[in-house]
Amino acid sequence: MKSPPSWLQALPMGGVFLLFFAMPLLLIVAVSFWPQNEYTLEPGFTLDNYTTLFSGCGSTDELCVTVKTYLSTLKFCFLVWLATLVLGFTLAYFVAFHVPSLAAQTVLFTILTIPFWTSNVIRMISWIPLLGRNGLVNQSLMGAGITDHPLDWLLYSDFSVVLAFVHLNTTFMMVPIFNSMMKIDRSLLEAADDCGATAWQTLWNVVVPLCRTGILIGSIFVITLVMGDFVTVGVMGGQQIASVGKTIQVQTSYLQFPLAAANAVVLLAVVLLIIAALNRLVDLRKEL
């Protein structure tokens, strides 16, 4: 029996993509141009939402609120991406090249997925008894004589937000990198060793280039999760740290849907630019 044409086979998945991704995204873009009304959503076309979003940004004295919020979010995004990349790559390298048994690899990955059996909020709250003024970390530091007073920056600070993000998202970076590493022909590593390459040279010139796809996929996961997050910033930042996701959540709670949609469109554009820049860096590394 002759198989159906490829376009027909792709039609169901294309319909799902159109219904659950493209149409909601287009609706958000459309709502971002609707006039702001306190009680109802009235279709129309106006640029007032984007004007309101960037009001005051033309001044040279100081940055506007929107730019400051995006810079704060980008700061968290970069720090979390860098930390998860180092941790995820290291863990993936250890499991892929230093754990020879498939059964042992399966056990390790099962252990890594255990935290996902609970919600993100519960995993974040678990840090509070550790990092609080009377938490285990402060008590241990004071008991060891390292400090004579509790460290306030451990909780409800940029540090606690980054720590929680890294805790929640490292697995999303590790798994794609691990999948790429498992596809590497081990004879290439042996050839590099036979040619006199050091372990670091083999890692940088063989393993990293062959893992670029996994690194890019993991980076996309981490960047999109961090840029749009508002729960982690709110809980671990003590509702004192601004982020784009938190701003959109507040605008939505006050029924400012067109303004929130405009903010979401700008956020999407920023995330796409970051992903495009990462993709370009990966291509440059490939060319080199």
C-alpha atoms as a PDB file:
ATOM      1  CA  MET A   1       0.000   0.000   0.000  1.00  0.00           C
ATOM      2  CA  LYS A   2       1.378   3.350  -1.041  1.00  0.00           C
ATOM      3  CA  SER A   3       2.018   5.745   1.831  1.00  0.00           C
ATOM      4  CA  PRO A   4       0.244   9.141   1.777  1.00  0.00           C
ATOM      5  CA  PRO A   5       2.188  12.190   0.619  1.00  0.00           C
ATOM      6  CA  SER A   6       4.433  13.932   3.133  1.00  0.00           C
ATOM      7  CA  TRP A   7       2.264  17.068   3.318  1.00  0.00           C
ATOM      8  CA  LEU A   8      -0.717  14.956   4.310  1.00  0.00           C
ATOM      9  CA  GLN A   9       1.285  13.210   7.027  1.00  0.00           C
ATOM     10  CA  ALA A  10       2.358  16.572   8.421  1.00  0.00           C
ATOM     11  CA  LEU A  11      -1.175  17.980   8.313  1.00  0.00           C
ATOM     12  CA  PRO A  12      -2.297  16.788  11.802  1.00  0.00           C
ATOM     13  CA  MET A  13       0.797  18.169  13.508  1.00  0.00           C
ATOM     14  CA  GLY A  14       0.511  21.360  11.489  1.00  0.00           C
ATOM     15  CA  GLY A  15      -3.101  21.739  12.632  1.00  0.00           C
ATOM     16  CA  VAL A  16      -2.094  21.291  16.269  1.00  0.00           C
ATOM     17  CA  PHE A  17       0.701  23.857  15.833  1.00  0.00           C
ATOM     18  CA  LEU A  18      -1.688  26.319  14.210  1.00  0.00           C
ATOM     19  CA  LEU A  19      -4.429  25.861  16.802  1.00  0.00           C
ATOM     20  CA  PHE A  20      -2.378  25.869  19.998  1.00  0.00           C
ATOM     21  CA  PHE A  21       0.611  28.053  19.074  1.00  0.00           C
ATOM     22  CA  ALA A  22       0.163  30.283  16.055  1.00  0.00           C
ATOM     23  CA  MET A  23      -3.415  31.405  16.711  1.00  0.00           C
ATOM     24  CA  PRO A  24      -2.901  32.357  20.398  1.00  0.00           C
ATOM     25  CA  LEU A  25       0.278  34.195  19.467  1.00  0.00           C
ATOM     26  CA  LEU A  26      -1.473  36.109  16.705  1.00  0.00           C
ATOM     27  CA  LEU A  27      -4.305  36.917  19.109  1.00  0.00           C
ATOM     28  CA  ILE A  28      -1.836  38.394  21.612  1.00  0.00           C
ATOM     29  CA  VAL A  29      -0.302  40.528  18.860  1.00  0.00           C
ATOM     30  CA  ALA A  30      -3.762  41.714  17.813  1.00  0.00           C
ATOM     31  CA  VAL A  31      -4.828  42.555  21.387  1.00  0.00           C
ATOM     32  CA  SER A  32      -1.635  44.581  21.869  1.00  0.00           C
ATOM     33  CA  PHE A  33      -3.020  47.095  19.347  1.00  0.00           C
ATOM     34  CA  TRP A  34      -6.488  47.338  20.917  1.00  0.00           C
ATOM     35  CA  PRO A  35      -7.481  50.487  22.825  1.00  0.00           C
ATOM     36  CA  GLN A  36      -7.241  50.268  26.599  1.00  0.00           C
ATOM     37  CA  ASN A  37     -10.623  50.054  28.338  1.00  0.00           C
ATOM     38  CA  GLU A  38     -11.170  49.536  32.040  1.00  0.00           C
ATOM     39  CA  TYR A  39     -14.180  47.272  31.673  1.00  0.00           C
ATOM     40  CA  THR A  40     -14.259  45.545  28.290  1.00  0.00           C
ATOM     41  CA  LEU A  41     -11.997  44.512  25.437  1.00  0.00           C
ATOM     42  CA  GLU A  42     -12.915  46.529  22.366  1.00  0.00           C
ATOM     43  CA  PRO A  43     -11.234  45.630  19.050  1.00  0.00           C
ATOM     44  CA  GLY A  44      -9.483  48.499  17.350  1.00  0.00           C
ATOM     45  CA  PHE A  45      -6.051  49.742  16.366  1.00  0.00           C
ATOM     46  CA  THR A  46      -3.836  52.068  18.341  1.00  0.00           C
ATOM     47  CA  LEU A  47      -0.180  52.397  19.225  1.00  0.00           C
ATOM     48  CA  ASP A  48      -0.964  53.878  22.639  1.00  0.00           C
ATOM     49  CA  ASN A  49      -0.096  50.650  24.454  1.00  0.00           C
ATOM     50  CA  TYR A  50       3.442  50.638  23.057  1.00  0.00           C
ATOM     51  CA  THR A  51       3.728  54.383  23.661  1.00  0.00           C
ATOM     52  CA  THR A  52       2.685  53.908  27.280  1.00  0.00           C
ATOM     53  CA  LEU A  53       5.092  51.009  27.653  1.00  0.00           C
ATOM     54  CA  PHE A  54       8.075  53.110  26.587  1.00  0.00           C
ATOM     55  CA  SER A  55       6.942  56.439  28.015  1.00  0.00           C
ATOM     56  CA  GLY A  56       9.903  58.402  29.353  1.00  0.00           C
ATOM     57  CA  CYS A  57      12.459  56.303  27.477  1.00  0.00           C
ATOM     58  CA  GLY A  58      13.441  59.256  25.304  1.00  0.00           C
ATOM     59  CA  SER A  59      14.985  61.079  28.240  1.00  0.00           C
ATOM     60  CA  THR A  60      18.765  61.031  28.467  1.00  0.00           C
ATOM     61  CA  ASP A  61      18.860  61.685  32.214  1.00  0.00           C
ATOM     62  CA  GLU A  62      17.984  58.158  33.324  1.00  0.00           C
ATOM     63  CA  LEU A  63      16.586  54.941  31.960  1.00  0.00           C
ATOM     64  CA  CYS A  64      12.829  54.477  31.885  1.00  0.00           C
ATOM     65  CA  VAL A  65      11.078  51.875  34.017  1.00  0.00           C
ATOM     66  CA  THR A  66      10.567  49.460  31.112  1.00  0.00           C
ATOM     67  CA  VAL A  67      14.237  49.500  30.107  1.00  0.00           C
ATOM     68  CA  LYS A  68      15.333  49.044  33.724  1.00  0.00           C
ATOM     69  CA  THR A  69      12.964  46.079  34.070  1.00  0.00           C
ATOM     70  CA  TYR A  70      14.266  44.448  30.898  1.00  0.00           C
ATOM     71  CA  LEU A  71      17.880  45.014  31.945  1.00  0.00           C
ATOM     72  CA  SER A  72      17.154  43.398  35.319  1.00  0.00           C
ATOM     73  CA  THR A  73      15.544  40.409  33.602  1.00  0.00           C
ATOM     74  CA  LEU A  74      18.418  40.116  31.132  1.00  0.00           C
ATOM     75  CA  LYS A  75      20.873  40.162  34.039  1.00  0.00           C
ATOM     76  CA  PHE A  76      19.140  37.200  35.647  1.00  0.00           C
ATOM     77  CA  CYS A  77      18.887  35.480  32.268  1.00  0.00           C
ATOM     78  CA  PHE A  78      22.619  35.763  31.589  1.00  0.00           C
ATOM     79  CA  LEU A  79      23.712  34.667  35.068  1.00  0.00           C
ATOM     80  CA  VAL A  80      21.350  31.690  35.088  1.00  0.00           C
ATOM     81  CA  TRP A  81      22.276  30.703  31.527  1.00  0.00           C
ATOM     82  CA  LEU A  82      25.995  30.789  32.364  1.00  0.00           C
ATOM     83  CA  ALA A  83      25.588  28.834  35.607  1.00  0.00           C
ATOM     84  CA  THR A  84      23.284  26.200  34.103  1.00  0.00           C
ATOM     85  CA  LEU A  85      25.576  25.824  31.085  1.00  0.00           C
ATOM     86  CA  VAL A  86      28.609  25.115  33.281  1.00  0.00           C
ATOM     87  CA  LEU A  87      26.724  22.786  35.631  1.00  0.00           C
ATOM     88  CA  GLY A  88      24.693  21.082  32.902  1.00  0.00           C
ATOM     89  CA  PHE A  89      27.700  20.505  30.661  1.00  0.00           C
ATOM     90  CA  THR A  90      29.783  19.162  33.550  1.00  0.00           C
ATOM     91  CA  LEU A  91      27.070  16.774  34.729  1.00  0.00           C
ATOM     92  CA  ALA A  92      26.294  15.636  31.187  1.00  0.00           C
ATOM     93  CA  TYR A  93      29.985  15.022  30.476  1.00  0.00           C
ATOM     94  CA  PHE A  94      30.371  12.953  33.636  1.00  0.00           C
ATOM     95  CA  VAL A  95      27.295  10.816  32.950  1.00  0.00           C
ATOM     96  CA  ALA A  96      28.058  10.366  29.233  1.00  0.00           C
ATOM     97  CA  PHE A  97      31.791   9.571  29.430  1.00  0.00           C
ATOM     98  CA  HIS A  98      32.457   8.383  32.976  1.00  0.00           C
ATOM     99  CA  VAL A  99      29.382   6.248  33.694  1.00  0.00           C
ATOM    100  CA  PRO A 100      29.791   3.278  31.353  1.00  0.00           C
ATOM    101  CA  SER A 101      26.698   1.338  32.411  1.00  0.00           C
ATOM    102  CA  LEU A 102      23.385   2.213  30.783  1.00  0.00           C
ATOM    103  CA  ALA A 103      21.598   1.057  33.928  1.00  0.00           C
ATOM    104  CA  ALA A 104      23.653   3.453  36.060  1.00  0.00           C
ATOM    105  CA  GLN A 105      22.907   6.312  33.641  1.00  0.00           C
ATOM    106  CA  THR A 106      19.201   5.524  33.882  1.00  0.00           C
ATOM    107  CA  VAL A 107      19.357   5.553  37.685  1.00  0.00           C
ATOM    108  CA  LEU A 108      21.160   8.901  37.703  1.00  0.00           C
ATOM    109  CA  PHE A 109      18.626  10.467  35.358  1.00  0.00           C
ATOM    110  CA  THR A 110      15.785   9.076  37.466  1.00  0.00           C
ATOM    111  CA  ILE A 111      17.316  10.725  40.530  1.00  0.00           C
ATOM    112  CA  LEU A 112      17.534  14.012  38.614  1.00  0.00           C
ATOM    113  CA  THR A 113      13.846  13.860  37.706  1.00  0.00           C
ATOM    114  CA  ILE A 114      12.662  13.215  41.281  1.00  0.00           C
ATOM    115  CA  PRO A 115      12.464  16.968  42.125  1.00  0.00           C
ATOM    116  CA  PHE A 116      10.079  17.414  39.176  1.00  0.00           C
ATOM    117  CA  TRP A 117       7.532  15.255  40.977  1.00  0.00           C
ATOM    118  CA  THR A 118       6.700  18.343  43.052  1.00  0.00           C
ATOM    119  CA  SER A 119       5.765  21.854  41.942  1.00  0.00           C
ATOM    120  CA  ASN A 120       8.238  24.642  41.368  1.00  0.00           C
ATOM    121  CA  VAL A 121       6.798  26.637  44.266  1.00  0.00           C
ATOM    122  CA  ILE A 122       7.449  23.822  46.756  1.00  0.00           C
ATOM    123  CA  ARG A 123      11.024  23.460  45.510  1.00  0.00           C
ATOM    124  CA  MET A 124      11.559  27.207  45.869  1.00  0.00           C
ATOM    125  CA  ILE A 125      10.040  27.372  49.349  1.00  0.00           C
ATOM    126  CA  SER A 126      12.428  24.642  50.460  1.00  0.00           C
ATOM    127  CA  TRP A 127      15.265  27.191  50.193  1.00  0.00           C
ATOM    128  CA  ILE A 128      13.686  29.589  52.697  1.00  0.00           C
ATOM    129  CA  PRO A 129      14.476  27.526  55.851  1.00  0.00           C
ATOM    130  CA  LEU A 130      18.055  27.221  54.562  1.00  0.00           C
ATOM    131  CA  LEU A 131      18.749  30.821  53.556  1.00  0.00           C
ATOM    132  CA  GLY A 132      16.699  32.830  56.070  1.00  0.00           C
ATOM    133  CA  ARG A 133      18.214  34.916  58.863  1.00  0.00           C
ATOM    134  CA  ASN A 134      17.628  32.053  61.269  1.00  0.00           C
ATOM    135  CA  GLY A 135      18.129  29.396  58.618  1.00  0.00           C
ATOM    136  CA  LEU A 136      20.530  26.500  58.545  1.00  0.00           C
ATOM    137  CA  VAL A 137      23.166  28.287  56.447  1.00  0.00           C
ATOM    138  CA  ASN A 138      23.348  31.367  58.678  1.00  0.00           C
ATOM    139  CA  GLN A 139      23.347  29.275  61.841  1.00  0.00           C
ATOM    140  CA  SER A 140      26.167  27.130  60.461  1.00  0.00           C
ATOM    141  CA  LEU A 141      28.242  30.149  59.446  1.00  0.00           C
ATOM    142  CA  MET A 142      27.824  31.800  62.826  1.00  0.00           C
ATOM    143  CA  GLY A 143      28.467  28.526  64.633  1.00  0.00           C
ATOM    144  CA  ALA A 144      31.724  28.083  62.712  1.00  0.00           C
ATOM    145  CA  GLY A 145      32.780  31.636  63.549  1.00  0.00           C
ATOM    146  CA  ILE A 146      32.869  32.725  59.897  1.00  0.00           C
ATOM    147  CA  THR A 147      30.454  35.570  60.600  1.00  0.00           C
ATOM    148  CA  ASP A 148      29.074  37.088  63.798  1.00  0.00           C
ATOM    149  CA  HIS A 149      25.693  38.139  62.377  1.00  0.00           C
ATOM    150  CA  PRO A 150      23.180  36.687  59.893  1.00  0.00           C
ATOM    151  CA  LEU A 151      23.778  37.409  56.213  1.00  0.00           C
ATOM    152  CA  ASP A 152      20.761  39.261  54.833  1.00  0.00           C
ATOM    153  CA  TRP A 153      21.732  38.838  51.176  1.00  0.00           C
ATOM    154  CA  LEU A 154      21.181  35.068  51.209  1.00  0.00           C
ATOM    155  CA  LEU A 155      17.401  35.391  50.943  1.00  0.00           C
ATOM    156  CA  TYR A 156      15.065  37.809  49.160  1.00  0.00           C
ATOM    157  CA  SER A 157      17.891  39.080  46.990  1.00  0.00           C
ATOM    158  CA  ASP A 158      19.376  38.691  43.530  1.00  0.00           C
ATOM    159  CA  PHE A 159      21.456  35.812  44.869  1.00  0.00           C
ATOM    160  CA  SER A 160      18.439  33.798  46.017  1.00  0.00           C
ATOM    161  CA  VAL A 161      16.628  34.430  42.723  1.00  0.00           C
ATOM    162  CA  VAL A 162      19.597  33.212  40.669  1.00  0.00           C
ATOM    163  CA  LEU A 163      20.083  30.220  42.974  1.00  0.00           C
ATOM    164  CA  ALA A 164      16.448  29.171  42.611  1.00  0.00           C
ATOM    165  CA  PHE A 165      16.558  29.620  38.832  1.00  0.00           C
ATOM    166  CA  VAL A 166      19.684  27.471  38.579  1.00  0.00           C
ATOM    167  CA  HIS A 167      18.107  24.825  40.805  1.00  0.00           C
ATOM    168  CA  LEU A 168      14.957  24.714  38.677  1.00  0.00           C
ATOM    169  CA  ASN A 169      16.487  24.900  35.199  1.00  0.00           C
ATOM    170  CA  THR A 170      19.808  23.046  35.201  1.00  0.00           C
ATOM    171  CA  THR A 171      18.129  19.813  34.102  1.00  0.00           C
ATOM    172  CA  PHE A 172      16.678  21.550  31.036  1.00  0.00           C
ATOM    173  CA  MET A 173      20.229  22.434  30.010  1.00  0.00           C
ATOM    174  CA  MET A 174      21.778  19.100  30.899  1.00  0.00           C
ATOM    175  CA  VAL A 175      19.443  16.723  29.047  1.00  0.00           C
ATOM    176  CA  PRO A 176      19.908  18.153  25.492  1.00  0.00           C
ATOM    177  CA  ILE A 177      23.677  18.335  25.998  1.00  0.00           C
ATOM    178  CA  PHE A 178      23.731  14.745  27.258  1.00  0.00           C
ATOM    179  CA  ASN A 179      21.775  13.579  24.204  1.00  0.00           C
ATOM    180  CA  SER A 180      24.324  15.265  21.941  1.00  0.00           C
ATOM    181  CA  MET A 181      27.235  13.723  23.839  1.00  0.00           C
ATOM    182  CA  MET A 182      25.806  10.224  23.568  1.00  0.00           C
ATOM    183  CA  LYS A 183      25.825  10.575  19.768  1.00  0.00           C
ATOM    184  CA  ILE A 184      29.547  11.402  19.632  1.00  0.00           C
ATOM    185  CA  ASP A 185      31.634   8.650  18.059  1.00  0.00           C
ATOM    186  CA  ARG A 186      34.079   7.574  20.768  1.00  0.00           C
ATOM    187  CA  SER A 187      36.697   6.832  18.101  1.00  0.00           C
ATOM    188  CA  LEU A 188      37.016  10.602  17.579  1.00  0.00           C
ATOM    189  CA  LEU A 189      38.154  10.977  21.178  1.00  0.00           C
ATOM    190  CA  GLU A 190      40.639   8.162  20.723  1.00  0.00           C
ATOM    191  CA  ALA A 191      41.940   9.792  17.536  1.00  0.00           C
ATOM    192  CA  ALA A 192      42.427  13.093  19.363  1.00  0.00           C
ATOM    193  CA  ASP A 193      44.318  11.293  22.111  1.00  0.00           C
ATOM    194  CA  ASP A 194      46.486   9.489  19.542  1.00  0.00           C
ATOM    195  CA  CYS A 195      47.331  12.846  17.964  1.00  0.00           C
ATOM    196  CA  GLY A 196      48.660  14.094  21.292  1.00  0.00           C
ATOM    197  CA  ALA A 197      45.789  16.357  22.244  1.00  0.00           C
ATOM    198  CA  THR A 198      45.364  17.136  25.926  1.00  0.00           C
ATOM    199  CA  ALA A 199      42.089  16.515  27.731  1.00  0.00           C
ATOM    200  CA  TRP A 200      41.188  20.214  27.528  1.00  0.00           C
ATOM    201  CA  GLN A 201      42.061  20.377  23.818  1.00  0.00           C
ATOM    202  CA  THR A 202      39.878  17.344  23.130  1.00  0.00           C
ATOM    203  CA  LEU A 203      37.060  18.885  25.135  1.00  0.00           C
ATOM    204  CA  TRP A 204      37.226  22.259  23.387  1.00  0.00           C
ATOM    205  CA  ASN A 205      37.983  21.117  19.843  1.00  0.00           C
ATOM    206  CA  VAL A 206      36.013  17.858  19.660  1.00  0.00           C
ATOM    207  CA  VAL A 207      33.340  17.548  22.342  1.00  0.00           C
ATOM    208  CA  VAL A 208      32.092  21.144  22.477  1.00  0.00           C
ATOM    209  CA  PRO A 209      31.657  21.569  18.676  1.00  0.00           C
ATOM    210  CA  LEU A 210      29.789  18.262  18.445  1.00  0.00           C
ATOM    211  CA  CYS A 211      27.532  19.333  21.327  1.00  0.00           C
ATOM    212  CA  ARG A 212      26.607  22.716  19.864  1.00  0.00           C
ATOM    213  CA  THR A 213      23.087  21.580  18.954  1.00  0.00           C
ATOM    214  CA  GLY A 214      22.431  20.362  22.495  1.00  0.00           C
ATOM    215  CA  ILE A 215      23.898  23.546  23.953  1.00  0.00           C
ATOM    216  CA  LEU A 216      21.672  25.662  21.722  1.00  0.00           C
ATOM    217  CA  ILE A 217      18.522  23.685  22.583  1.00  0.00           C
ATOM    218  CA  GLY A 218      19.297  23.792  26.303  1.00  0.00           C
ATOM    219  CA  SER A 219      20.012  27.524  26.081  1.00  0.00           C
ATOM    220  CA  ILE A 220      16.658  28.126  24.393  1.00  0.00           C
ATOM    221  CA  PHE A 221      14.884  26.237  27.167  1.00  0.00           C
ATOM    222  CA  VAL A 222      16.641  28.154  29.944  1.00  0.00           C
ATOM    223  CA  ILE A 223      16.353  31.588  28.328  1.00  0.00           C
ATOM    224  CA  THR A 224      12.650  31.287  27.565  1.00  0.00           C
ATOM    225  CA  LEU A 225      11.866  29.944  31.043  1.00  0.00           C
ATOM    226  CA  VAL A 226      13.814  32.673  32.850  1.00  0.00           C
ATOM    227  CA  MET A 227      12.683  35.590  30.697  1.00  0.00           C
ATOM    228  CA  GLY A 228       8.992  34.806  31.134  1.00  0.00           C
ATOM    229  CA  ASP A 229       9.086  33.732  34.779  1.00  0.00           C
ATOM    230  CA  PHE A 230       7.331  35.718  37.487  1.00  0.00           C
ATOM    231  CA  VAL A 231       6.749  33.162  40.257  1.00  0.00           C
ATOM    232  CA  THR A 232      10.425  32.554  41.068  1.00  0.00           C
ATOM    233  CA  VAL A 233      11.264  36.256  41.089  1.00  0.00           C
ATOM    234  CA  GLY A 234       8.258  37.003  43.277  1.00  0.00           C
ATOM    235  CA  VAL A 235       8.832  34.239  45.844  1.00  0.00           C
ATOM    236  CA  MET A 236      12.635  34.319  46.094  1.00  0.00           C
ATOM    237  CA  GLY A 237      12.882  38.079  45.625  1.00  0.00           C
ATOM    238  CA  GLY A 238      10.364  38.842  48.350  1.00  0.00           C
ATOM    239  CA  GLN A 239       8.167  40.729  45.863  1.00  0.00           C
ATOM    240  CA  GLN A 240      10.878  43.407  45.767  1.00  0.00           C
ATOM    241  CA  ILE A 241      12.637  42.612  42.487  1.00  0.00           C
ATOM    242  CA  ALA A 242      11.214  43.652  39.146  1.00  0.00           C
ATOM    243  CA  SER A 243      11.047  41.403  36.099  1.00  0.00           C
ATOM    244  CA  VAL A 244       9.208  41.507  32.797  1.00  0.00           C
ATOM    245  CA  GLY A 245       7.132  38.447  33.643  1.00  0.00           C
ATOM    246  CA  LYS A 246       6.131  39.986  36.982  1.00  0.00           C
ATOM    247  CA  THR A 247       5.153  43.221  35.232  1.00  0.00           C
ATOM    248  CA  ILE A 248       2.940  41.346  32.761  1.00  0.00           C
ATOM    249  CA  GLN A 249       1.337  39.409  35.628  1.00  0.00           C
ATOM    250  CA  VAL A 250       0.541  42.635  37.503  1.00  0.00           C
ATOM    251  CA  GLN A 251      -0.851  44.283  34.371  1.00  0.00           C
ATOM    252  CA  THR A 252      -3.065  41.255  33.770  1.00  0.00           C
ATOM    253  CA  SER A 253      -4.313  41.250  37.370  1.00  0.00           C
ATOM    254  CA  TYR A 254      -5.398  44.879  36.907  1.00  0.00           C
ATOM    255  CA  LEU A 255      -7.225  43.905  33.682  1.00  0.00           C
ATOM    256  CA  GLN A 256      -4.808  45.895  31.528  1.00  0.00           C
ATOM    257  CA  PHE A 257      -4.855  43.202  28.877  1.00  0.00           C
ATOM    258  CA  PRO A 258      -3.835  45.317  25.839  1.00  0.00           C
ATOM    259  CA  LEU A 259      -0.870  46.776  27.746  1.00  0.00           C
ATOM    260  CA  ALA A 260       0.127  43.322  28.999  1.00  0.00           C
ATOM    261  CA  ALA A 261      -0.146  41.960  25.454  1.00  0.00           C
ATOM    262  CA  ALA A 262       2.107  44.756  24.145  1.00  0.00           C
ATOM    263  CA  ASN A 263       4.646  43.935  26.856  1.00  0.00           C
ATOM    264  CA  ALA A 264       4.439  40.250  25.922  1.00  0.00           C
ATOM    265  CA  VAL A 265       5.080  41.047  22.253  1.00  0.00           C
ATOM    266  CA  VAL A 266       8.174  43.086  23.159  1.00  0.00           C
ATOM    267  CA  LEU A 267       9.357  40.274  25.431  1.00  0.00           C
ATOM    268  CA  LEU A 268       8.897  37.743  22.634  1.00  0.00           C
ATOM    269  CA  ALA A 269      10.900  39.951  20.266  1.00  0.00           C
ATOM    270  CA  VAL A 270      13.744  40.250  22.815  1.00  0.00           C
ATOM    271  CA  VAL A 271      13.818  36.473  23.387  1.00  0.00           C
ATOM    272  CA  LEU A 272      13.886  35.815  19.633  1.00  0.00           C
ATOM    273  CA  LEU A 273      16.786  38.255  19.245  1.00  0.00           C
ATOM    274  CA  ILE A 274      18.725  36.482  21.997  1.00  0.00           C
ATOM    275  CA  ILE A 275      18.094  33.083  20.410  1.00  0.00           C
ATOM    276  CA  ALA A 276      19.130  34.414  16.999  1.00  0.00           C
ATOM    277  CA  ALA A 277      22.349  35.800  18.519  1.00  0.00           C
ATOM    278  CA  LEU A 278      23.098  32.443  20.172  1.00  0.00           C
ATOM    279  CA  ASN A 279      22.442  30.640  16.906  1.00  0.00           C
ATOM    280  CA  ARG A 280      24.830  33.014  15.155  1.00  0.00           C
ATOM    281  CA  LEU A 281      27.514  32.388  17.788  1.00  0.00           C
ATOM    282  CA  VAL A 282      27.086  28.639  17.302  1.00  0.00           C
ATOM    283  CA  ASP A 283      27.476  29.065  13.541  1.00  0.00           C
ATOM    284  CA  LEU A 284      30.636  31.155  14.035  1.00  0.00           C
ATOM    285  CA  ARG A 285      32.080  28.482  16.344  1.00  0.00           C
ATOM    286  CA  LYS A 286      31.292  25.901  13.662  1.00  0.00           C
ATOM    287  CA  GLU A 287      33.075  27.942  10.992  1.00  0.00           C
ATOM    288  CA  LEU A 288      36.137  28.359  13.189  1.00  0.00           C
END
